[in-house]
PDB file of N, CA and C in Angstrom:
ATOM      1  N   MET A   1      32.344  41.330  18.356  1.00  0.00           N
ATOM      2  CA  MET A   1      31.631  40.119  18.200  1.00  0.00           C
ATOM      3  C   MET A   1      30.651  39.965  19.391  1.00  0.00           C
ATOM      4  N   GLU A   2      29.461  39.607  19.087  1.00  0.00           N
ATOM      5  CA  GLU A   2      28.415  39.467  20.122  1.00  0.00           C
ATOM      6  C   GLU A   2      27.627  38.154  19.897  1.00  0.00           C
ATOM      7  N   LYS A   3      27.386  37.460  21.023  1.00  0.00           N
ATOM      8  CA  LYS A   3      26.646  36.206  20.966  1.00  0.00           C
ATOM      9  C   LYS A   3      25.478  36.290  21.943  1.00  0.00           C
ATOM     10  N   GLU A   4      24.513  35.535  21.704  1.00  0.00           N
ATOM     11  CA  GLU A   4      23.320  35.504  22.583  1.00  0.00           C
ATOM     12  C   GLU A   4      22.955  34.055  22.901  1.00  0.00           C
ATOM     13  N   ALA A   5      22.533  33.744  24.107  1.00  0.00           N
ATOM     14  CA  ALA A   5      22.084  32.442  24.456  1.00  0.00           C
ATOM     15  C   ALA A   5      20.722  32.542  25.133  1.00  0.00           C
ATOM     16  N   ILE A   6      19.836  31.655  24.748  1.00  0.00           N
ATOM     17  CA  ILE A   6      18.514  31.566  25.360  1.00  0.00           C
ATOM     18  C   ILE A   6      18.436  30.320  26.205  1.00  0.00           C
ATOM     19  N   THR A   7      18.140  30.545  27.494  1.00  0.00           N
ATOM     20  CA  THR A   7      18.097  29.382  28.440  1.00  0.00           C
ATOM     21  C   THR A   7      16.644  29.198  28.909  1.00  0.00           C
ATOM     22  N   GLN A   8      15.883  28.611  28.019  1.00  0.00           N
ATOM     23  CA  GLN A   8      14.470  28.346  28.366  1.00  0.00           C
ATOM     24  C   GLN A   8      13.991  27.152  27.606  1.00  0.00           C
ATOM     25  N   LYS A   9      13.009  26.502  28.135  1.00  0.00           N
ATOM     26  CA  LYS A   9      12.357  25.341  27.526  1.00  0.00           C
ATOM     27  C   LYS A   9      10.888  25.738  27.296  1.00  0.00           C
ATOM     28  N   ASP A  10      10.182  24.879  26.558  1.00  0.00           N
ATOM     29  CA  ASP A  10       8.705  25.109  26.373  1.00  0.00           C
ATOM     30  C   ASP A  10       7.979  24.961  27.700  1.00  0.00           C
ATOM     31  N   LEU A  11       8.438  24.045  28.546  1.00  0.00           N
ATOM     32  CA  LEU A  11       7.798  23.791  29.868  1.00  0.00           C
ATOM     33  C   LEU A  11       8.887  23.921  30.954  1.00  0.00           C
ATOM     34  N   MET A  12       8.637  24.888  31.856  1.00  0.00           N
ATOM     35  CA  MET A  12       9.627  25.071  32.927  1.00  0.00           C
ATOM     36  C   MET A  12       8.940  25.112  34.305  1.00  0.00           C
ATOM     37  N   VAL A  13       9.645  24.641  35.341  1.00  0.00           N
ATOM     38  CA  VAL A  13       9.198  24.607  36.692  1.00  0.00           C
ATOM     39  C   VAL A  13      10.194  25.435  37.558  1.00  0.00           C
ATOM     40  N   PHE A  14       9.648  26.417  38.218  1.00  0.00           N
ATOM     41  CA  PHE A  14      10.516  27.266  39.074  1.00  0.00           C
ATOM     42  C   PHE A  14      10.145  27.018  40.557  1.00  0.00           C
ATOM     43  N   PRO A  15      11.022  26.264  41.275  1.00  0.00           N
ATOM     44  CA  PRO A  15      10.647  26.014  42.680  1.00  0.00           C
ATOM     45  C   PRO A  15      10.814  27.259  43.575  1.00  0.00           C
ATOM     46  N   ASN A  16      10.025  27.359  44.641  1.00  0.00           N
ATOM     47  CA  ASN A  16      10.069  28.435  45.561  1.00  0.00           C
ATOM     48  C   ASN A  16      10.145  27.913  46.993  1.00  0.00           C
ATOM     49  N   PRO A  17      11.294  27.377  47.393  1.00  0.00           N
ATOM     50  CA  PRO A  17      11.431  26.732  48.721  1.00  0.00           C
ATOM     51  C   PRO A  17      11.477  27.782  49.844  1.00  0.00           C
ATOM     52  N   PRO A  18      11.081  27.425  51.073  1.00  0.00           N
ATOM     53  CA  PRO A  18      11.198  28.354  52.151  1.00  0.00           C
ATOM     54  C   PRO A  18      12.683  28.564  52.487  1.00  0.00           C
ATOM     55  N   ARG A  19      12.983  29.762  52.983  1.00  0.00           N
ATOM     56  CA  ARG A  19      14.409  30.040  53.300  1.00  0.00           C
ATOM     57  C   ARG A  19      14.864  29.285  54.493  1.00  0.00           C
ATOM     58  N   PHE A  20      14.007  29.175  55.498  1.00  0.00           N
ATOM     59  CA  PHE A  20      14.368  28.515  56.786  1.00  0.00           C
ATOM     60  C   PHE A  20      13.305  27.502  57.157  1.00  0.00           C
ATOM     61  N   VAL A  21      13.742  26.370  57.734  1.00  0.00           N
ATOM     62  CA  VAL A  21      12.781  25.336  58.233  1.00  0.00           C
ATOM     63  C   VAL A  21      13.332  24.860  59.566  1.00  0.00           C
ATOM     64  N   ARG A  22      12.485  24.862  60.557  1.00  0.00           N
ATOM     65  CA  ARG A  22      12.828  24.335  61.861  1.00  0.00           C
ATOM     66  C   ARG A  22      12.046  23.115  62.131  1.00  0.00           C
ATOM     67  N   GLN A  23      12.544  22.292  63.060  1.00  0.00           N
ATOM     68  CA  GLN A  23      11.862  21.025  63.418  1.00  0.00           C
ATOM     69  C   GLN A  23      10.460  21.391  63.918  1.00  0.00           C
ATOM     70  N   GLY A  24       9.458  20.640  63.409  1.00  0.00           N
ATOM     71  CA  GLY A  24       8.036  20.873  63.824  1.00  0.00           C
ATOM     72  C   GLY A  24       7.282  21.842  62.882  1.00  0.00           C
ATOM     73  N   ASP A  25       7.994  22.522  62.020  1.00  0.00           N
ATOM     74  CA  ASP A  25       7.383  23.457  61.091  1.00  0.00           C
ATOM     75  C   ASP A  25       6.542  22.740  60.064  1.00  0.00           C
ATOM     76  N   THR A  26       5.445  23.341  59.585  1.00  0.00           N
ATOM     77  CA  THR A  26       4.704  22.787  58.439  1.00  0.00           C
ATOM     78  C   THR A  26       5.300  23.564  57.221  1.00  0.00           C
ATOM     79  N   VAL A  27       5.682  22.759  56.260  1.00  0.00           N
ATOM     80  CA  VAL A  27       6.381  23.386  55.031  1.00  0.00           C
ATOM     81  C   VAL A  27       5.385  23.435  53.940  1.00  0.00           C
ATOM     82  N   ILE A  28       5.267  24.609  53.311  1.00  0.00           N
ATOM     83  CA  ILE A  28       4.477  24.797  52.082  1.00  0.00           C
ATOM     84  C   ILE A  28       5.511  25.102  50.970  1.00  0.00           C
ATOM     85  N   PHE A  29       5.707  24.125  50.105  1.00  0.00           N
ATOM     86  CA  PHE A  29       6.713  24.243  49.062  1.00  0.00           C
ATOM     87  C   PHE A  29       5.994  24.563  47.765  1.00  0.00           C
ATOM     88  N   SER A  30       6.025  25.750  47.324  1.00  0.00           N
ATOM     89  CA  SER A  30       5.326  26.104  46.073  1.00  0.00           C
ATOM     90  C   SER A  30       6.248  26.130  44.854  1.00  0.00           C
ATOM     91  N   ALA A  31       5.696  26.056  43.721  1.00  0.00           N
ATOM     92  CA  ALA A  31       6.488  26.108  42.477  1.00  0.00           C
ATOM     93  C   ALA A  31       5.594  26.765  41.371  1.00  0.00           C
ATOM     94  N   LYS A  32       6.259  27.453  40.514  1.00  0.00           N
ATOM     95  CA  LYS A  32       5.512  28.095  39.412  1.00  0.00           C
ATOM     96  C   LYS A  32       5.841  27.370  38.150  1.00  0.00           C
ATOM     97  N   THR A  33       4.829  26.977  37.403  1.00  0.00           N
ATOM     98  CA  THR A  33       5.050  26.284  36.107  1.00  0.00           C
ATOM     99  C   THR A  33       4.788  27.271  34.955  1.00  0.00           C
ATOM    100  N   VAL A  34       5.617  27.243  34.001  1.00  0.00           N
ATOM    101  CA  VAL A  34       5.467  28.153  32.885  1.00  0.00           C
ATOM    102  C   VAL A  34       5.479  27.367  31.588  1.00  0.00           C
ATOM    103  N   ASN A  35       4.399  27.579  30.792  1.00  0.00           N
ATOM    104  CA  ASN A  35       4.249  26.891  29.488  1.00  0.00           C
ATOM    105  C   ASN A  35       4.443  27.991  28.449  1.00  0.00           C
ATOM    106  N   LEU A  36       5.562  27.969  27.754  1.00  0.00           N
ATOM    107  CA  LEU A  36       5.826  28.984  26.729  1.00  0.00           C
ATOM    108  C   LEU A  36       5.343  28.571  25.331  1.00  0.00           C
ATOM    109  N   SER A  37       4.742  27.417  25.233  1.00  0.00           N
ATOM    110  CA  SER A  37       4.267  27.000  23.942  1.00  0.00           C
ATOM    111  C   SER A  37       2.853  27.497  23.711  1.00  0.00           C
ATOM    112  N   ASP A  38       2.258  27.204  22.538  1.00  0.00           N
ATOM    113  CA  ASP A  38       0.928  27.640  22.300  1.00  0.00           C
ATOM    114  C   ASP A  38      -0.088  26.483  22.413  1.00  0.00           C
ATOM    115  N   ARG A  39       0.339  25.424  23.050  1.00  0.00           N
ATOM    116  CA  ARG A  39      -0.541  24.225  23.244  1.00  0.00           C
ATOM    117  C   ARG A  39      -0.411  23.709  24.629  1.00  0.00           C
ATOM    118  N   ILE A  40      -1.312  22.851  25.016  1.00  0.00           N
ATOM    119  CA  ILE A  40      -1.260  22.208  26.340  1.00  0.00           C
ATOM    120  C   ILE A  40      -0.149  21.173  26.299  1.00  0.00           C
ATOM    121  N   LEU A  41       0.720  21.229  27.313  1.00  0.00           N
ATOM    122  CA  LEU A  41       1.823  20.251  27.447  1.00  0.00           C
ATOM    123  C   LEU A  41       1.545  19.391  28.658  1.00  0.00           C
ATOM    124  N   ALA A  42       1.944  18.143  28.572  1.00  0.00           N
ATOM    125  CA  ALA A  42       1.837  17.209  29.729  1.00  0.00           C
ATOM    126  C   ALA A  42       3.223  16.930  30.255  1.00  0.00           C
ATOM    127  N   GLY A  43       3.298  16.725  31.515  1.00  0.00           N
ATOM    128  CA  GLY A  43       4.566  16.411  32.126  1.00  0.00           C
ATOM    129  C   GLY A  43       4.393  15.871  33.513  1.00  0.00           C
ATOM    130  N   GLU A  44       5.414  15.401  34.104  1.00  0.00           N
ATOM    131  CA  GLU A  44       5.419  14.912  35.506  1.00  0.00           C
ATOM    132  C   GLU A  44       6.337  15.713  36.336  1.00  0.00           C
ATOM    133  N   VAL A  45       5.912  15.953  37.572  1.00  0.00           N
ATOM    134  CA  VAL A  45       6.757  16.732  38.472  1.00  0.00           C
ATOM    135  C   VAL A  45       6.857  15.834  39.777  1.00  0.00           C
ATOM    136  N   THR A  46       8.093  15.563  40.197  1.00  0.00           N
ATOM    137  CA  THR A  46       8.376  14.802  41.379  1.00  0.00           C
ATOM    138  C   THR A  46       9.182  15.615  42.332  1.00  0.00           C
ATOM    139  N   LEU A  47       8.726  15.715  43.568  1.00  0.00           N
ATOM    140  CA  LEU A  47       9.481  16.490  44.580  1.00  0.00           C
ATOM    141  C   LEU A  47       9.892  15.488  45.649  1.00  0.00           C
ATOM    142  N   GLU A  48      11.218  15.397  45.862  1.00  0.00           N
ATOM    143  CA  GLU A  48      11.774  14.484  46.815  1.00  0.00           C
ATOM    144  C   GLU A  48      12.601  15.218  47.866  1.00  0.00           C
ATOM    145  N   PHE A  49      12.493  14.836  49.103  1.00  0.00           N
ATOM    146  CA  PHE A  49      13.292  15.340  50.171  1.00  0.00           C
ATOM    147  C   PHE A  49      14.209  14.201  50.699  1.00  0.00           C
ATOM    148  N   PHE A  50      15.449  14.536  50.974  1.00  0.00           N
ATOM    149  CA  PHE A  50      16.383  13.526  51.415  1.00  0.00           C
ATOM    150  C   PHE A  50      16.936  13.907  52.774  1.00  0.00           C
ATOM    151  N   ASP A  51      17.248  12.879  53.608  1.00  0.00           N
ATOM    152  CA  ASP A  51      17.933  13.084  54.836  1.00  0.00           C
ATOM    153  C   ASP A  51      19.374  13.499  54.496  1.00  0.00           C
ATOM    154  N   ALA A  52      19.867  14.579  55.045  1.00  0.00           N
ATOM    155  CA  ALA A  52      21.190  15.074  54.697  1.00  0.00           C
ATOM    156  C   ALA A  52      22.326  14.165  55.092  1.00  0.00           C
ATOM    157  N   ILE A  53      22.079  13.363  56.103  1.00  0.00           N
ATOM    158  CA  ILE A  53      23.168  12.460  56.610  1.00  0.00           C
ATOM    159  C   ILE A  53      23.161  11.109  55.894  1.00  0.00           C
ATOM    160  N   THR A  54      21.952  10.521  55.779  1.00  0.00           N
ATOM    161  CA  THR A  54      21.902   9.144  55.156  1.00  0.00           C
ATOM    162  C   THR A  54      21.636   9.160  53.733  1.00  0.00           C
ATOM    163  N   LEU A  55      21.160  10.343  53.170  1.00  0.00           N
ATOM    164  CA  LEU A  55      20.769  10.540  51.760  1.00  0.00           C
ATOM    165  C   LEU A  55      19.594   9.581  51.342  1.00  0.00           C
ATOM    166  N   LYS A  56      18.840   9.122  52.360  1.00  0.00           N
ATOM    167  CA  LYS A  56      17.629   8.353  52.064  1.00  0.00           C
ATOM    168  C   LYS A  56      16.419   9.291  51.910  1.00  0.00           C
ATOM    169  N   PRO A  57      15.514   8.902  50.982  1.00  0.00           N
ATOM    170  CA  PRO A  57      14.314   9.839  50.851  1.00  0.00           C
ATOM    171  C   PRO A  57      13.526   9.813  52.127  1.00  0.00           C
ATOM    172  N   VAL A  58      13.014  10.985  52.521  1.00  0.00           N
ATOM    173  CA  VAL A  58      12.127  11.083  53.723  1.00  0.00           C
ATOM    174  C   VAL A  58      10.681  11.426  53.338  1.00  0.00           C
ATOM    175  N   ASN A  59      10.494  11.913  52.145  1.00  0.00           N
ATOM    176  CA  ASN A  59       9.100  12.278  51.796  1.00  0.00           C
ATOM    177  C   ASN A  59       9.069  12.426  50.263  1.00  0.00           C
ATOM    178  N   VAL A  60       8.076  11.907  49.598  1.00  0.00           N
ATOM    179  CA  VAL A  60       7.996  12.003  48.145  1.00  0.00           C
ATOM    180  C   VAL A  60       6.546  12.524  47.776  1.00  0.00           C
ATOM    181  N   LEU A  61       6.479  13.603  47.037  1.00  0.00           N
ATOM    182  CA  LEU A  61       5.198  14.111  46.524  1.00  0.00           C
ATOM    183  C   LEU A  61       5.164  13.967  45.081  1.00  0.00           C
ATOM    184  N   ASP A  62       4.088  13.645  44.439  1.00  0.00           N
ATOM    185  CA  ASP A  62       4.030  13.388  42.971  1.00  0.00           C
ATOM    186  C   ASP A  62       2.754  14.020  42.383  1.00  0.00           C
ATOM    187  N   PRO A  63       2.693  15.380  42.318  1.00  0.00           N
ATOM    188  CA  PRO A  63       1.580  16.015  41.616  1.00  0.00           C
ATOM    189  C   PRO A  63       1.738  15.990  40.135  1.00  0.00           C
ATOM    190  N   THR A  64       0.811  15.416  39.393  1.00  0.00           N
ATOM    191  CA  THR A  64       0.957  15.282  37.962  1.00  0.00           C
ATOM    192  C   THR A  64      -0.200  16.062  37.257  1.00  0.00           C
ATOM    193  N   THR A  65      -0.128  17.364  37.362  1.00  0.00           N
ATOM    194  CA  THR A  65      -1.160  18.177  36.765  1.00  0.00           C
ATOM    195  C   THR A  65      -0.515  18.884  35.532  1.00  0.00           C
ATOM    196  N   PRO A  66      -1.052  18.637  34.326  1.00  0.00           N
ATOM    197  CA  PRO A  66      -0.462  19.300  33.189  1.00  0.00           C
ATOM    198  C   PRO A  66      -0.859  20.786  33.165  1.00  0.00           C
ATOM    199  N   PRO A  67       0.101  21.675  33.030  1.00  0.00           N
ATOM    200  CA  PRO A  67      -0.225  23.128  32.948  1.00  0.00           C
ATOM    201  C   PRO A  67      -0.744  23.553  31.616  1.00  0.00           C
ATOM    202  N   PRO A  68      -1.753  24.403  31.595  1.00  0.00           N
ATOM    203  CA  PRO A  68      -2.305  24.911  30.368  1.00  0.00           C
ATOM    204  C   PRO A  68      -1.406  25.982  29.723  1.00  0.00           C
ATOM    205  N   PRO A  69      -1.710  26.377  28.501  1.00  0.00           N
ATOM    206  CA  PRO A  69      -0.900  27.432  27.898  1.00  0.00           C
ATOM    207  C   PRO A  69      -0.940  28.732  28.722  1.00  0.00           C
ATOM    208  N   PRO A  70      -0.025  29.663  28.535  1.00  0.00           N
ATOM    209  CA  PRO A  70       0.036  30.893  29.373  1.00  0.00           C
ATOM    210  C   PRO A  70      -1.300  31.541  29.528  1.00  0.00           C
ATOM    211  N   PRO A  71      -1.560  32.186  30.649  1.00  0.00           N
ATOM    212  CA  PRO A  71      -0.767  32.198  31.873  1.00  0.00           C
ATOM    213  C   PRO A  71      -0.977  30.876  32.659  1.00  0.00           C
ATOM    214  N   SER A  72       0.116  30.325  33.165  1.00  0.00           N
ATOM    215  CA  SER A  72       0.111  29.070  33.917  1.00  0.00           C
ATOM    216  C   SER A  72      -0.157  29.287  35.423  1.00  0.00           C
ATOM    217  N   PRO A  73      -1.154  28.618  35.956  1.00  0.00           N
ATOM    218  CA  PRO A  73      -1.377  28.752  37.405  1.00  0.00           C
ATOM    219  C   PRO A  73      -0.339  27.856  38.185  1.00  0.00           C
ATOM    220  N   ILE A  74      -0.230  28.111  39.449  1.00  0.00           N
ATOM    221  CA  ILE A  74       0.643  27.319  40.302  1.00  0.00           C
ATOM    222  C   ILE A  74      -0.075  26.054  40.713  1.00  0.00           C
ATOM    223  N   PRO A  75       0.454  24.857  40.413  1.00  0.00           N
ATOM    224  CA  PRO A  75      -0.246  23.653  40.839  1.00  0.00           C
ATOM    225  C   PRO A  75      -0.142  23.500  42.322  1.00  0.00           C
ATOM    226  N   PRO A  76      -1.274  23.086  42.970  1.00  0.00           N
ATOM    227  CA  PRO A  76      -1.266  23.010  44.423  1.00  0.00           C
ATOM    228  C   PRO A  76      -0.452  21.766  44.895  1.00  0.00           C
ATOM    229  N   ILE A  77       0.345  21.973  45.905  1.00  0.00           N
ATOM    230  CA  ILE A  77       1.096  20.925  46.555  1.00  0.00           C
ATOM    231  C   ILE A  77       0.629  20.950  48.014  1.00  0.00           C
ATOM    232  N   PRO A  78       0.006  19.872  48.524  1.00  0.00           N
ATOM    233  CA  PRO A  78      -0.536  19.951  49.881  1.00  0.00           C
ATOM    234  C   PRO A  78       0.643  20.131  50.895  1.00  0.00           C
ATOM    235  N   PRO A  79       0.346  20.825  52.003  1.00  0.00           N
ATOM    236  CA  PRO A  79       1.370  21.033  53.025  1.00  0.00           C
ATOM    237  C   PRO A  79       1.735  19.721  53.690  1.00  0.00           C
ATOM    238  N   GLN A  80       2.985  19.499  53.980  1.00  0.00           N
ATOM    239  CA  GLN A  80       3.446  18.262  54.546  1.00  0.00           C
ATOM    240  C   GLN A  80       4.262  18.681  55.831  1.00  0.00           C
ATOM    241  N   PRO A  81       4.149  17.948  56.937  1.00  0.00           N
ATOM    242  CA  PRO A  81       4.998  18.234  58.058  1.00  0.00           C
ATOM    243  C   PRO A  81       6.453  17.903  57.829  1.00  0.00           C
ATOM    244  N   PHE A  82       7.318  18.745  58.276  1.00  0.00           N
ATOM    245  CA  PHE A  82       8.752  18.456  58.166  1.00  0.00           C
ATOM    246  C   PHE A  82       9.206  17.549  59.276  1.00  0.00           C
ATOM    247  N   ARG A  83       9.734  16.402  58.933  1.00  0.00           N
ATOM    248  CA  ARG A  83      10.236  15.474  59.964  1.00  0.00           C
ATOM    249  C   ARG A  83      11.710  15.301  59.842  1.00  0.00           C
ATOM    250  N   SER A  84      12.397  15.394  60.931  1.00  0.00           N
ATOM    251  CA  SER A  84      13.836  15.112  60.910  1.00  0.00           C
ATOM    252  C   SER A  84      14.202  13.799  61.522  1.00  0.00           C
TER     253      SER A  84
END
């Protein structure tokens, strides 16, 4: 007996965070968007960073660029200083 599962959606976002961040670093957090449909899809992407101790948000970015059909470019997210 064999079964198969497909784990994908028409619109997917794959984050690519830096492996290490030190105090004072400038962080460039990129993500790849993939549109597997044959039409332009609209969506919202919200990126939030939280203080690990207080769990309060420390920075919120909200780029809302709809990705075109394949191949999908990486939407630009401006660099933000990391503050602890």
